[in-house]
Each structure stands twice: as structure tokens, then as C-alpha cells.
Amino acid sequence: VDDLLATEPSDAVRLLPGHDPWVMGPGTQ
């Protein structure tokens, strides 16, 4: 929780491969 509260929003741009865990972990829905 403390780390979350200390985090600033990000504007980072990332190009990822298809079916990357970033998308598949939470699900495309």
C-alpha cells in the first residue's frame, strides 16, 4: 500500500508483443 500511494502516474510509452502478460494477466476484457 505505501509503495502504491507513493507512486506517481506514468506517461511512459511501451511497445509490447502480442499476448504480452500485461494484457493477458488482467484479461482483454
PDB file of all heavy atoms in Angstrom:
ATOM      1  N   VAL A   1       0.824  -1.209   0.000  1.00  0.00           N
ATOM      2  CA  VAL A   1       0.000   0.000   0.000  1.00  0.00           C
ATOM      3  C   VAL A   1       0.857   1.258   0.000  1.00  0.00           C
ATOM      4  O   VAL A   1       0.617   2.201  -0.771  1.00  0.00           O
ATOM      5  CB  VAL A   1      -0.967   0.005   1.199  1.00  0.00           C
ATOM      6  CG1 VAL A   1      -1.622   1.376   1.361  1.00  0.00           C
ATOM      7  CG2 VAL A   1      -2.028  -1.067   1.015  1.00  0.00           C
ATOM      8  N   ASP A   2       1.866   1.317   0.826  1.00  0.00           N
ATOM      9  CA  ASP A   2       2.695   2.529   0.891  1.00  0.00           C
ATOM     10  C   ASP A   2       3.376   2.811  -0.439  1.00  0.00           C
ATOM     11  O   ASP A   2       3.453   3.970  -0.880  1.00  0.00           O
ATOM     12  CB  ASP A   2       3.747   2.398   2.000  1.00  0.00           C
ATOM     13  CG  ASP A   2       3.140   2.474   3.400  1.00  0.00           C
ATOM     14  OD1 ASP A   2       1.973   2.913   3.511  1.00  0.00           O
ATOM     15  OD2 ASP A   2       3.815   2.076   4.356  1.00  0.00           O
ATOM     16  N   ASP A   3       3.870   1.760  -1.089  1.00  0.00           N
ATOM     17  CA  ASP A   3       4.501   1.948  -2.398  1.00  0.00           C
ATOM     18  C   ASP A   3       3.487   2.451  -3.421  1.00  0.00           C
ATOM     19  O   ASP A   3       3.809   3.306  -4.258  1.00  0.00           O
ATOM     20  CB  ASP A   3       5.109   0.631  -2.888  1.00  0.00           C
ATOM     21  CG  ASP A   3       6.420   0.310  -2.201  1.00  0.00           C
ATOM     22  OD1 ASP A   3       6.998   1.225  -1.573  1.00  0.00           O
ATOM     23  OD2 ASP A   3       6.867  -0.851  -2.282  1.00  0.00           O
ATOM     24  N   LEU A   4       2.281   1.913  -3.377  1.00  0.00           N
ATOM     25  CA  LEU A   4       1.236   2.377  -4.289  1.00  0.00           C
ATOM     26  C   LEU A   4       0.962   3.858  -4.076  1.00  0.00           C
ATOM     27  O   LEU A   4       0.899   4.635  -5.041  1.00  0.00           O
ATOM     28  CB  LEU A   4      -0.042   1.568  -4.082  1.00  0.00           C
ATOM     29  CG  LEU A   4      -1.289   2.094  -4.805  1.00  0.00           C
ATOM     30  CD1 LEU A   4      -1.117   2.002  -6.313  1.00  0.00           C
ATOM     31  CD2 LEU A   4      -2.540   1.320  -4.362  1.00  0.00           C
ATOM     32  N   LEU A   5       0.808   4.276  -2.827  1.00  0.00           N
ATOM     33  CA  LEU A   5       0.491   5.668  -2.535  1.00  0.00           C
ATOM     34  C   LEU A   5       1.618   6.619  -2.902  1.00  0.00           C
ATOM     35  O   LEU A   5       1.392   7.801  -3.178  1.00  0.00           O
ATOM     36  CB  LEU A   5       0.135   5.816  -1.056  1.00  0.00           C
ATOM     37  CG  LEU A   5      -1.143   5.101  -0.605  1.00  0.00           C
ATOM     38  CD1 LEU A   5      -1.336   5.246   0.895  1.00  0.00           C
ATOM     39  CD2 LEU A   5      -2.354   5.635  -1.359  1.00  0.00           C
ATOM     40  N   ALA A   6       2.836   6.105  -2.926  1.00  0.00           N
ATOM     41  CA  ALA A   6       3.994   6.941  -3.264  1.00  0.00           C
ATOM     42  C   ALA A   6       4.248   6.993  -4.767  1.00  0.00           C
ATOM     43  O   ALA A   6       5.122   7.749  -5.220  1.00  0.00           O
ATOM     44  CB  ALA A   6       5.239   6.410  -2.559  1.00  0.00           C
ATOM     45  N   THR A   7       3.495   6.243  -5.546  1.00  0.00           N
ATOM     46  CA  THR A   7       3.708   6.169  -6.992  1.00  0.00           C
ATOM     47  C   THR A   7       2.999   7.309  -7.706  1.00  0.00           C
ATOM     48  O   THR A   7       1.838   7.606  -7.417  1.00  0.00           O
ATOM     49  CB  THR A   7       3.204   4.825  -7.537  1.00  0.00           C
ATOM     50  OG1 THR A   7       3.914   3.765  -6.901  1.00  0.00           O
ATOM     51  CG2 THR A   7       3.398   4.726  -9.042  1.00  0.00           C
ATOM     52  N   GLU A   8       3.707   7.921  -8.642  1.00  0.00           N
ATOM     53  CA  GLU A   8       3.118   8.968  -9.472  1.00  0.00           C
ATOM     54  C   GLU A   8       2.601   8.351 -10.764  1.00  0.00           C
ATOM     55  O   GLU A   8       3.169   7.381 -11.276  1.00  0.00           O
ATOM     56  CB  GLU A   8       4.169  10.029  -9.813  1.00  0.00           C
ATOM     57  CG  GLU A   8       4.700  10.791  -8.613  1.00  0.00           C
ATOM     58  CD  GLU A   8       3.637  11.683  -7.978  1.00  0.00           C
ATOM     59  OE1 GLU A   8       2.711  12.105  -8.717  1.00  0.00           O
ATOM     60  OE2 GLU A   8       3.718  11.942  -6.769  1.00  0.00           O
ATOM     61  N   PRO A   9       1.507   8.885 -11.315  1.00  0.00           N
ATOM     62  CA  PRO A   9       1.016   8.375 -12.604  1.00  0.00           C
ATOM     63  C   PRO A   9       2.108   8.424 -13.668  1.00  0.00           C
ATOM     64  O   PRO A   9       2.990   9.283 -13.622  1.00  0.00           O
ATOM     65  CB  PRO A   9      -0.139   9.325 -12.934  1.00  0.00           C
ATOM     66  CG  PRO A   9      -0.620   9.809 -11.594  1.00  0.00           C
ATOM     67  CD  PRO A   9       0.624   9.929 -10.749  1.00  0.00           C
ATOM     68  N   SER A  10       2.054   7.507 -14.594  1.00  0.00           N
ATOM     69  CA  SER A  10       3.087   7.381 -15.624  1.00  0.00           C
ATOM     70  C   SER A  10       2.543   7.772 -16.988  1.00  0.00           C
ATOM     71  O   SER A  10       1.380   7.531 -17.303  1.00  0.00           O
ATOM     72  CB  SER A  10       3.592   5.932 -15.679  1.00  0.00           C
ATOM     73  OG  SER A  10       4.411   5.708 -16.797  1.00  0.00           O
ATOM     74  N   ASP A  11       3.401   8.377 -17.794  1.00  0.00           N
ATOM     75  CA  ASP A  11       3.050   8.628 -19.187  1.00  0.00           C
ATOM     76  C   ASP A  11       3.968   7.842 -20.118  1.00  0.00           C
ATOM     77  O   ASP A  11       4.079   8.127 -21.308  1.00  0.00           O
ATOM     78  CB  ASP A  11       3.107  10.123 -19.515  1.00  0.00           C
ATOM     79  CG  ASP A  11       4.492  10.725 -19.290  1.00  0.00           C
ATOM     80  OD1 ASP A  11       5.414   9.992 -18.880  1.00  0.00           O
ATOM     81  OD2 ASP A  11       4.652  11.943 -19.526  1.00  0.00           O
ATOM     82  N   ALA A  12       4.624   6.825 -19.564  1.00  0.00           N
ATOM     83  CA  ALA A  12       5.571   6.025 -20.342  1.00  0.00           C
ATOM     84  C   ALA A  12       4.880   5.345 -21.514  1.00  0.00           C
ATOM     85  O   ALA A  12       3.765   4.834 -21.390  1.00  0.00           O
ATOM     86  CB  ALA A  12       6.233   4.974 -19.452  1.00  0.00           C
ATOM     87  N   VAL A  13       5.555   5.340 -22.646  1.00  0.00           N
ATOM     88  CA  VAL A  13       5.083   4.642 -23.836  1.00  0.00           C
ATOM     89  C   VAL A  13       5.886   3.346 -23.965  1.00  0.00           C
ATOM     90  O   VAL A  13       7.113   3.355 -23.875  1.00  0.00           O
ATOM     91  CB  VAL A  13       5.252   5.498 -25.102  1.00  0.00           C
ATOM     92  CG1 VAL A  13       5.006   4.665 -26.362  1.00  0.00           C
ATOM     93  CG2 VAL A  13       4.294   6.679 -25.058  1.00  0.00           C
ATOM     94  N   ARG A  14       5.203   2.238 -24.152  1.00  0.00           N
ATOM     95  CA  ARG A  14       5.863   0.948 -24.311  1.00  0.00           C
ATOM     96  C   ARG A  14       5.229   0.203 -25.493  1.00  0.00           C
ATOM     97  O   ARG A  14       4.010   0.144 -25.622  1.00  0.00           O
ATOM     98  CB  ARG A  14       5.748   0.095 -23.039  1.00  0.00           C
ATOM     99  CG  ARG A  14       6.507   0.657 -21.869  1.00  0.00           C
ATOM    100  CD  ARG A  14       8.016   0.517 -22.053  1.00  0.00           C
ATOM    101  NE  ARG A  14       8.751   1.116 -20.949  1.00  0.00           N
ATOM    102  CZ  ARG A  14       9.321   2.324 -20.991  1.00  0.00           C
ATOM    103  NH1 ARG A  14       9.220   3.068 -22.097  1.00  0.00           N
ATOM    104  NH2 ARG A  14       9.978   2.786 -19.956  1.00  0.00           N
ATOM    105  N   LEU A  15       6.084  -0.388 -26.315  1.00  0.00           N
ATOM    106  CA  LEU A  15       5.659  -1.243 -27.417  1.00  0.00           C
ATOM    107  C   LEU A  15       5.898  -2.687 -27.000  1.00  0.00           C
ATOM    108  O   LEU A  15       7.039  -3.097 -26.773  1.00  0.00           O
ATOM    109  CB  LEU A  15       6.447  -0.921 -28.688  1.00  0.00           C
ATOM    110  CG  LEU A  15       5.910   0.207 -29.580  1.00  0.00           C
ATOM    111  CD1 LEU A  15       5.831   1.523 -28.823  1.00  0.00           C
ATOM    112  CD2 LEU A  15       6.766   0.368 -30.842  1.00  0.00           C
ATOM    113  N   LEU A  16       4.807  -3.432 -26.863  1.00  0.00           N
ATOM    114  CA  LEU A  16       4.884  -4.802 -26.355  1.00  0.00           C
ATOM    115  C   LEU A  16       4.479  -5.794 -27.441  1.00  0.00           C
ATOM    116  O   LEU A  16       3.790  -5.436 -28.394  1.00  0.00           O
ATOM    117  CB  LEU A  16       3.968  -4.964 -25.145  1.00  0.00           C
ATOM    118  CG  LEU A  16       4.223  -4.029 -23.952  1.00  0.00           C
ATOM    119  CD1 LEU A  16       3.220  -4.324 -22.842  1.00  0.00           C
ATOM    120  CD2 LEU A  16       5.645  -4.169 -23.444  1.00  0.00           C
ATOM    121  N   PRO A  17       4.873  -7.050 -27.288  1.00  0.00           N
ATOM    122  CA  PRO A  17       4.456  -8.063 -28.249  1.00  0.00           C
ATOM    123  C   PRO A  17       3.012  -8.491 -28.031  1.00  0.00           C
ATOM    124  O   PRO A  17       2.437  -8.282 -26.959  1.00  0.00           O
ATOM    125  CB  PRO A  17       5.412  -9.222 -27.955  1.00  0.00           C
ATOM    126  CG  PRO A  17       5.732  -9.071 -26.503  1.00  0.00           C
ATOM    127  CD  PRO A  17       5.788  -7.584 -26.260  1.00  0.00           C
ATOM    128  N   GLY A  18       2.437  -9.113 -29.043  1.00  0.00           N
ATOM    129  CA  GLY A  18       1.086  -9.635 -28.918  1.00  0.00           C
ATOM    130  C   GLY A  18       0.984 -10.652 -27.794  1.00  0.00           C
ATOM    131  O   GLY A  18       1.926 -11.387 -27.524  1.00  0.00           O
ATOM    132  N   HIS A  19      -0.161 -10.659 -27.119  1.00  0.00           N
ATOM    133  CA  HIS A  19      -0.432 -11.555 -25.983  1.00  0.00           C
ATOM    134  C   HIS A  19       0.603 -11.388 -24.873  1.00  0.00           C
ATOM    135  O   HIS A  19       0.944 -12.342 -24.179  1.00  0.00           O
ATOM    136  CB  HIS A  19      -0.505 -13.019 -26.433  1.00  0.00           C
ATOM    137  CG  HIS A  19      -1.792 -13.355 -27.117  1.00  0.00           C
ATOM    138  ND1 HIS A  19      -2.139 -14.643 -27.478  1.00  0.00           N
ATOM    139  CD2 HIS A  19      -2.851 -12.583 -27.487  1.00  0.00           C
ATOM    140  CE1 HIS A  19      -3.340 -14.637 -28.051  1.00  0.00           C
ATOM    141  NE2 HIS A  19      -3.775 -13.402 -28.068  1.00  0.00           N
ATOM    142  N   ASP A  20       1.086 -10.168 -24.692  1.00  0.00           N
ATOM    143  CA  ASP A  20       2.004  -9.898 -23.593  1.00  0.00           C
ATOM    144  C   ASP A  20       1.282 -10.085 -22.262  1.00  0.00           C
ATOM    145  O   ASP A  20       0.077  -9.826 -22.155  1.00  0.00           O
ATOM    146  CB  ASP A  20       2.515  -8.459 -23.694  1.00  0.00           C
ATOM    147  CG  ASP A  20       3.603  -8.160 -22.681  1.00  0.00           C
ATOM    148  OD1 ASP A  20       4.778  -8.420 -22.976  1.00  0.00           O
ATOM    149  OD2 ASP A  20       3.266  -7.672 -21.575  1.00  0.00           O
ATOM    150  N   PRO A  21       2.009 -10.509 -21.222  1.00  0.00           N
ATOM    151  CA  PRO A  21       1.381 -10.673 -19.909  1.00  0.00           C
ATOM    152  C   PRO A  21       0.685  -9.416 -19.399  1.00  0.00           C
ATOM    153  O   PRO A  21      -0.273  -9.525 -18.621  1.00  0.00           O
ATOM    154  CB  PRO A  21       2.565 -11.074 -19.017  1.00  0.00           C
ATOM    155  CG  PRO A  21       3.487 -11.802 -19.931  1.00  0.00           C
ATOM    156  CD  PRO A  21       3.397 -11.052 -21.237  1.00  0.00           C
ATOM    157  N   TRP A  22       1.145  -8.234 -19.807  1.00  0.00           N
ATOM    158  CA  TRP A  22       0.478  -7.008 -19.358  1.00  0.00           C
ATOM    159  C   TRP A  22      -1.005  -7.025 -19.719  1.00  0.00           C
ATOM    160  O   TRP A  22      -1.854  -6.595 -18.935  1.00  0.00           O
ATOM    161  CB  TRP A  22       1.150  -5.778 -19.977  1.00  0.00           C
ATOM    162  CG  TRP A  22       0.463  -4.513 -19.583  1.00  0.00           C
ATOM    163  CD1 TRP A  22      -0.502  -3.831 -20.271  1.00  0.00           C
ATOM    164  CD2 TRP A  22       0.645  -3.785 -18.358  1.00  0.00           C
ATOM    165  NE1 TRP A  22      -0.927  -2.730 -19.556  1.00  0.00           N
ATOM    166  CE2 TRP A  22      -0.237  -2.687 -18.384  1.00  0.00           C
ATOM    167  CE3 TRP A  22       1.478  -3.972 -17.247  1.00  0.00           C
ATOM    168  CZ2 TRP A  22      -0.295  -1.760 -17.339  1.00  0.00           C
ATOM    169  CZ3 TRP A  22       1.406  -3.058 -16.209  1.00  0.00           C
ATOM    170  CH2 TRP A  22       0.523  -1.963 -16.266  1.00  0.00           C
ATOM    171  N   VAL A  23      -1.307  -7.561 -20.893  1.00  0.00           N
ATOM    172  CA  VAL A  23      -2.686  -7.633 -21.370  1.00  0.00           C
ATOM    173  C   VAL A  23      -3.362  -8.922 -20.921  1.00  0.00           C
ATOM    174  O   VAL A  23      -4.514  -8.918 -20.474  1.00  0.00           O
ATOM    175  CB  VAL A  23      -2.718  -7.530 -22.913  1.00  0.00           C
ATOM    176  CG1 VAL A  23      -4.114  -7.836 -23.446  1.00  0.00           C
ATOM    177  CG2 VAL A  23      -2.280  -6.139 -23.359  1.00  0.00           C
ATOM    178  N   MET A  24      -2.643 -10.046 -21.014  1.00  0.00           N
ATOM    179  CA  MET A  24      -3.261 -11.340 -20.735  1.00  0.00           C
ATOM    180  C   MET A  24      -3.464 -11.579 -19.242  1.00  0.00           C
ATOM    181  O   MET A  24      -4.359 -12.338 -18.856  1.00  0.00           O
ATOM    182  CB  MET A  24      -2.411 -12.463 -21.332  1.00  0.00           C
ATOM    183  CG  MET A  24      -2.177 -12.334 -22.833  1.00  0.00           C
ATOM    184  SD  MET A  24      -3.692 -12.063 -23.789  1.00  0.00           S
ATOM    185  CE  MET A  24      -4.498 -13.652 -23.572  1.00  0.00           C
ATOM    186  N   GLY A  25      -2.644 -10.968 -18.386  1.00  0.00           N
ATOM    187  CA  GLY A  25      -2.783 -11.148 -16.941  1.00  0.00           C
ATOM    188  C   GLY A  25      -4.127 -10.689 -16.412  1.00  0.00           C
ATOM    189  O   GLY A  25      -4.850 -11.463 -15.765  1.00  0.00           O
ATOM    190  N   PRO A  26      -4.528  -9.434 -16.671  1.00  0.00           N
ATOM    191  CA  PRO A  26      -5.859  -8.998 -16.251  1.00  0.00           C
ATOM    192  C   PRO A  26      -6.948  -9.455 -17.213  1.00  0.00           C
ATOM    193  O   PRO A  26      -8.122  -9.479 -16.856  1.00  0.00           O
ATOM    194  CB  PRO A  26      -5.742  -7.471 -16.244  1.00  0.00           C
ATOM    195  CG  PRO A  26      -4.666  -7.171 -17.232  1.00  0.00           C
ATOM    196  CD  PRO A  26      -3.700  -8.314 -17.144  1.00  0.00           C
ATOM    197  N   GLY A  27      -6.562  -9.794 -18.453  1.00  0.00           N
ATOM    198  CA  GLY A  27      -7.533 -10.231 -19.445  1.00  0.00           C
ATOM    199  C   GLY A  27      -7.933  -9.097 -20.371  1.00  0.00           C
ATOM    200  O   GLY A  27      -8.000  -7.935 -19.966  1.00  0.00           O
ATOM    201  N   THR A  28      -8.190  -9.435 -21.595  1.00  0.00           N
ATOM    202  CA  THR A  28      -8.540  -8.393 -22.571  1.00  0.00           C
ATOM    203  C   THR A  28      -9.889  -7.744 -22.276  1.00  0.00           C
ATOM    204  O   THR A  28     -10.221  -6.709 -22.847  1.00  0.00           O
ATOM    205  CB  THR A  28      -8.559  -8.972 -23.993  1.00  0.00           C
ATOM    206  OG1 THR A  28      -9.486 -10.068 -24.052  1.00  0.00           O
ATOM    207  CG2 THR A  28      -7.173  -9.492 -24.387  1.00  0.00           C
ATOM    208  N   GLN A  29     -10.671  -8.336 -21.384  1.00  0.00           N
ATOM    209  CA  GLN A  29     -11.957  -7.745 -21.032  1.00  0.00           C
ATOM    210  C   GLN A  29     -11.824  -6.604 -20.030  1.00  0.00           C
ATOM    211  O   GLN A  29     -12.803  -5.910 -19.737  1.00  0.00           O
ATOM    212  CB  GLN A  29     -12.912  -8.816 -20.481  1.00  0.00           C
ATOM    213  CG  GLN A  29     -12.612  -9.259 -19.065  1.00  0.00           C
ATOM    214  CD  GLN A  29     -11.530 -10.314 -18.988  1.00  0.00           C
ATOM    215  OE1 GLN A  29     -10.870 -10.616 -19.984  1.00  0.00           O
ATOM    216  NE2 GLN A  29     -11.342 -10.892 -17.816  1.00  0.00           N
TER     217      GLN A  29
END
